[in-house]
Amino acid sequence: MARNVAAPLVKYIDKVLVADRVSAPKVTVLVGHDSNIASLLTALDFKPYQLHDQYERTPIGGQLVFQRWHDGNANRDLMKIEYVYQSARQLRNAEALTLKSPAQRVTLELKGCPVDANGFCPLDKFDNVMNTAAK
């Protein structure tokens, strides 16, 4: 069911980050709910992850950040995906996010797109995952 719910979002993300990357804007912001994140995490088949200082798997106010990078030395495109969220304490106390109390972040990994030591996976493998999820 998650694949069906997330399919339009998966297709859009693939279009912006892979298919039309030359003409796509430098920044695209999509807004949704924690349920959208949950369905996307399932549809794309992410490896298990742990959000530090948080009890929820998809806490309110969280965001998935997809970053497309280019390695000029190796002449290859890379993808990095992070979950950015507030800790349970920050949420409970309604703390403002500041440089002294920043949002938490965890690098995520897709099962079909292994990451290197810096959290990057090759864009072609990311595209394969997206194409499979969009079917």
C-alpha atoms as a PDB file:
ATOM      1  CA  MET A   1       0.000   0.000   0.000  1.00  0.00           C
ATOM      2  CA  ALA A   2       2.840   2.429   0.826  1.00  0.00           C
ATOM      3  CA  ARG A   3       4.152   2.131  -2.739  1.00  0.00           C
ATOM      4  CA  ASN A   4       0.756   3.133  -4.145  1.00  0.00           C
ATOM      5  CA  VAL A   5       0.397   6.066  -1.752  1.00  0.00           C
ATOM      6  CA  ALA A   6       3.945   7.291  -2.375  1.00  0.00           C
ATOM      7  CA  ALA A   7       4.066   6.644  -6.159  1.00  0.00           C
ATOM      8  CA  PRO A   8       3.218  10.224  -7.282  1.00  0.00           C
ATOM      9  CA  LEU A   9       5.753  11.644  -4.822  1.00  0.00           C
ATOM     10  CA  VAL A  10       8.416   9.135  -5.901  1.00  0.00           C
ATOM     11  CA  LYS A  11       7.862  10.040  -9.561  1.00  0.00           C
ATOM     12  CA  TYR A  12       8.129  13.756  -8.799  1.00  0.00           C
ATOM     13  CA  ILE A  13      11.320  13.351  -6.749  1.00  0.00           C
ATOM     14  CA  ASP A  14      12.843  11.226  -9.516  1.00  0.00           C
ATOM     15  CA  LYS A  15      11.920  13.849 -12.108  1.00  0.00           C
ATOM     16  CA  VAL A  16      13.453  16.734 -10.152  1.00  0.00           C
ATOM     17  CA  LEU A  17      16.591  14.955  -8.919  1.00  0.00           C
ATOM     18  CA  VAL A  18      17.423  12.654 -11.824  1.00  0.00           C
ATOM     19  CA  ALA A  19      15.422  12.939 -15.058  1.00  0.00           C
ATOM     20  CA  ASP A  20      15.191  16.741 -15.381  1.00  0.00           C
ATOM     21  CA  ARG A  21      18.141  17.670 -13.172  1.00  0.00           C
ATOM     22  CA  VAL A  22      19.622  20.094 -15.719  1.00  0.00           C
ATOM     23  CA  SER A  23      16.476  22.228 -15.939  1.00  0.00           C
ATOM     24  CA  ALA A  24      15.216  21.625 -12.383  1.00  0.00           C
ATOM     25  CA  PRO A  25      15.461  24.418  -9.802  1.00  0.00           C
ATOM     26  CA  LYS A  26      18.410  24.325  -7.408  1.00  0.00           C
ATOM     27  CA  VAL A  27      16.049  23.900  -4.444  1.00  0.00           C
ATOM     28  CA  THR A  28      12.674  22.196  -4.348  1.00  0.00           C
ATOM     29  CA  VAL A  29      10.636  22.098  -1.138  1.00  0.00           C
ATOM     30  CA  LEU A  30       7.771  19.640  -0.751  1.00  0.00           C
ATOM     31  CA  VAL A  31       5.594  19.883   2.336  1.00  0.00           C
ATOM     32  CA  GLY A  32       3.598  17.000   3.772  1.00  0.00           C
ATOM     33  CA  HIS A  33       2.908  15.035   6.930  1.00  0.00           C
ATOM     34  CA  ASP A  34       4.784  12.410   8.897  1.00  0.00           C
ATOM     35  CA  SER A  35       2.544   9.853   7.159  1.00  0.00           C
ATOM     36  CA  ASN A  36       3.958  11.014   3.800  1.00  0.00           C
ATOM     37  CA  ILE A  37       7.471  10.445   5.111  1.00  0.00           C
ATOM     38  CA  ALA A  38       6.510   7.007   6.456  1.00  0.00           C
ATOM     39  CA  SER A  39       5.048   5.899   3.117  1.00  0.00           C
ATOM     40  CA  LEU A  40       8.077   7.259   1.231  1.00  0.00           C
ATOM     41  CA  LEU A  41      10.516   5.475   3.564  1.00  0.00           C
ATOM     42  CA  THR A  42       8.652   2.210   2.964  1.00  0.00           C
ATOM     43  CA  ALA A  43       8.222   2.664  -0.792  1.00  0.00           C
ATOM     44  CA  LEU A  44      11.921   3.420  -1.337  1.00  0.00           C
ATOM     45  CA  ASP A  45      12.997   0.531   0.915  1.00  0.00           C
ATOM     46  CA  PHE A  46      15.323   2.368   3.289  1.00  0.00           C
ATOM     47  CA  LYS A  47      17.555   0.347   5.577  1.00  0.00           C
ATOM     48  CA  PRO A  48      16.579   0.376   9.272  1.00  0.00           C
ATOM     49  CA  TYR A  49      17.631   3.568  11.021  1.00  0.00           C
ATOM     50  CA  GLN A  50      17.640   5.025  14.530  1.00  0.00           C
ATOM     51  CA  LEU A  51      16.828   8.660  15.241  1.00  0.00           C
ATOM     52  CA  HIS A  52      18.983   9.703  18.188  1.00  0.00           C
ATOM     53  CA  ASP A  53      17.178  11.315  21.147  1.00  0.00           C
ATOM     54  CA  GLN A  54      13.795  10.481  19.624  1.00  0.00           C
ATOM     55  CA  TYR A  55      11.215   7.766  20.341  1.00  0.00           C
ATOM     56  CA  GLU A  56       9.236   8.090  17.108  1.00  0.00           C
ATOM     57  CA  ARG A  57      10.292   6.691  13.726  1.00  0.00           C
ATOM     58  CA  THR A  58       8.709   9.679  11.933  1.00  0.00           C
ATOM     59  CA  PRO A  59       8.473  12.535  14.454  1.00  0.00           C
ATOM     60  CA  ILE A  60       6.306  15.562  13.767  1.00  0.00           C
ATOM     61  CA  GLY A  61       8.125  18.371  12.010  1.00  0.00           C
ATOM     62  CA  GLY A  62      10.712  16.015  10.542  1.00  0.00           C
ATOM     63  CA  GLN A  63      12.038  16.295   7.030  1.00  0.00           C
ATOM     64  CA  LEU A  64      13.723  14.090   4.481  1.00  0.00           C
ATOM     65  CA  VAL A  65      16.476  16.030   2.744  1.00  0.00           C
ATOM     66  CA  PHE A  66      17.632  14.727  -0.645  1.00  0.00           C
ATOM     67  CA  GLN A  67      20.932  16.300  -1.710  1.00  0.00           C
ATOM     68  CA  ARG A  68      22.363  15.889  -5.205  1.00  0.00           C
ATOM     69  CA  TRP A  69      26.135  16.405  -5.353  1.00  0.00           C
ATOM     70  CA  HIS A  70      28.751  16.252  -8.097  1.00  0.00           C
ATOM     71  CA  ASP A  71      32.227  14.867  -7.411  1.00  0.00           C
ATOM     72  CA  GLY A  72      34.424  16.856  -9.806  1.00  0.00           C
ATOM     73  CA  ASN A  73      37.493  14.699  -9.161  1.00  0.00           C
ATOM     74  CA  ALA A  74      35.742  11.460 -10.137  1.00  0.00           C
ATOM     75  CA  ASN A  75      33.255  13.206 -12.476  1.00  0.00           C
ATOM     76  CA  ARG A  76      30.235  11.467 -10.985  1.00  0.00           C
ATOM     77  CA  ASP A  77      26.914  12.503  -9.497  1.00  0.00           C
ATOM     78  CA  LEU A  78      26.033  11.451  -5.966  1.00  0.00           C
ATOM     79  CA  MET A  79      23.003  11.457  -3.696  1.00  0.00           C
ATOM     80  CA  LYS A  80      22.855  11.953   0.060  1.00  0.00           C
ATOM     81  CA  ILE A  81      19.644  11.529   2.059  1.00  0.00           C
ATOM     82  CA  GLU A  82      19.265  12.782   5.618  1.00  0.00           C
ATOM     83  CA  TYR A  83      16.444  12.751   8.136  1.00  0.00           C
ATOM     84  CA  VAL A  84      16.385  16.131   9.922  1.00  0.00           C
ATOM     85  CA  TYR A  85      14.209  16.312  13.032  1.00  0.00           C
ATOM     86  CA  GLN A  86      13.801  17.696  16.532  1.00  0.00           C
ATOM     87  CA  SER A  87      14.716  15.589  19.542  1.00  0.00           C
ATOM     88  CA  ALA A  88      11.992  14.475  21.934  1.00  0.00           C
ATOM     89  CA  ARG A  89      13.228  17.087  24.438  1.00  0.00           C
ATOM     90  CA  GLN A  90      13.147  19.884  21.857  1.00  0.00           C
ATOM     91  CA  LEU A  91       9.587  18.969  20.890  1.00  0.00           C
ATOM     92  CA  ARG A  92       8.348  18.480  24.466  1.00  0.00           C
ATOM     93  CA  ASN A  93       9.795  21.808  25.635  1.00  0.00           C
ATOM     94  CA  ALA A  94       8.881  23.664  22.420  1.00  0.00           C
ATOM     95  CA  GLU A  95      12.528  24.728  22.150  1.00  0.00           C
ATOM     96  CA  ALA A  96      13.512  27.039  19.343  1.00  0.00           C
ATOM     97  CA  LEU A  97      16.165  25.570  17.076  1.00  0.00           C
ATOM     98  CA  THR A  98      19.391  27.554  17.313  1.00  0.00           C
ATOM     99  CA  LEU A  99      23.079  27.054  16.632  1.00  0.00           C
ATOM    100  CA  LYS A 100      23.441  25.969  20.275  1.00  0.00           C
ATOM    101  CA  SER A 101      20.406  23.677  20.050  1.00  0.00           C
ATOM    102  CA  PRO A 102      20.261  22.598  16.389  1.00  0.00           C
ATOM    103  CA  ALA A 103      17.990  20.074  14.731  1.00  0.00           C
ATOM    104  CA  GLN A 104      19.190  16.476  14.818  1.00  0.00           C
ATOM    105  CA  ARG A 105      20.220  14.748  11.589  1.00  0.00           C
ATOM    106  CA  VAL A 106      20.806  11.160  10.583  1.00  0.00           C
ATOM    107  CA  THR A 107      22.102   9.955   7.220  1.00  0.00           C
ATOM    108  CA  LEU A 108      19.780   7.358   5.685  1.00  0.00           C
ATOM    109  CA  GLU A 109      20.655   4.516   3.325  1.00  0.00           C
ATOM    110  CA  LEU A 110      18.520   2.872   0.658  1.00  0.00           C
ATOM    111  CA  LYS A 111      18.815  -0.912   0.420  1.00  0.00           C
ATOM    112  CA  GLY A 112      19.536  -0.620  -3.307  1.00  0.00           C
ATOM    113  CA  CYS A 113      21.988   2.265  -3.010  1.00  0.00           C
ATOM    114  CA  PRO A 114      24.840   1.602  -0.567  1.00  0.00           C
ATOM    115  CA  VAL A 115      26.514   4.699   0.851  1.00  0.00           C
ATOM    116  CA  ASP A 116      30.211   5.443   1.283  1.00  0.00           C
ATOM    117  CA  ALA A 117      31.868   6.647   4.500  1.00  0.00           C
ATOM    118  CA  ASN A 118      30.484  10.158   3.901  1.00  0.00           C
ATOM    119  CA  GLY A 119      26.907   8.998   3.314  1.00  0.00           C
ATOM    120  CA  PHE A 120      26.866   9.347  -0.492  1.00  0.00           C
ATOM    121  CA  CYS A 121      25.488   6.823  -2.980  1.00  0.00           C
ATOM    122  CA  PRO A 122      25.980   6.915  -6.777  1.00  0.00           C
ATOM    123  CA  LEU A 123      23.170   8.724  -8.586  1.00  0.00           C
ATOM    124  CA  ASP A 124      22.700   5.881 -11.092  1.00  0.00           C
ATOM    125  CA  LYS A 125      21.953   3.441  -8.259  1.00  0.00           C
ATOM    126  CA  PHE A 126      19.590   5.990  -6.700  1.00  0.00           C
ATOM    127  CA  ASP A 127      17.825   6.273 -10.068  1.00  0.00           C
ATOM    128  CA  ASN A 128      17.411   2.474 -10.193  1.00  0.00           C
ATOM    129  CA  VAL A 129      15.773   2.531  -6.752  1.00  0.00           C
ATOM    130  CA  MET A 130      13.458   5.357  -7.805  1.00  0.00           C
ATOM    131  CA  ASN A 131      12.465   3.604 -11.046  1.00  0.00           C
ATOM    132  CA  THR A 132      11.682   0.390  -9.171  1.00  0.00           C
ATOM    133  CA  ALA A 133       9.607   2.254  -6.574  1.00  0.00           C
ATOM    134  CA  ALA A 134       7.687   4.200  -9.235  1.00  0.00           C
ATOM    135  CA  LYS A 135       6.402   1.017 -10.933  1.00  0.00           C
END
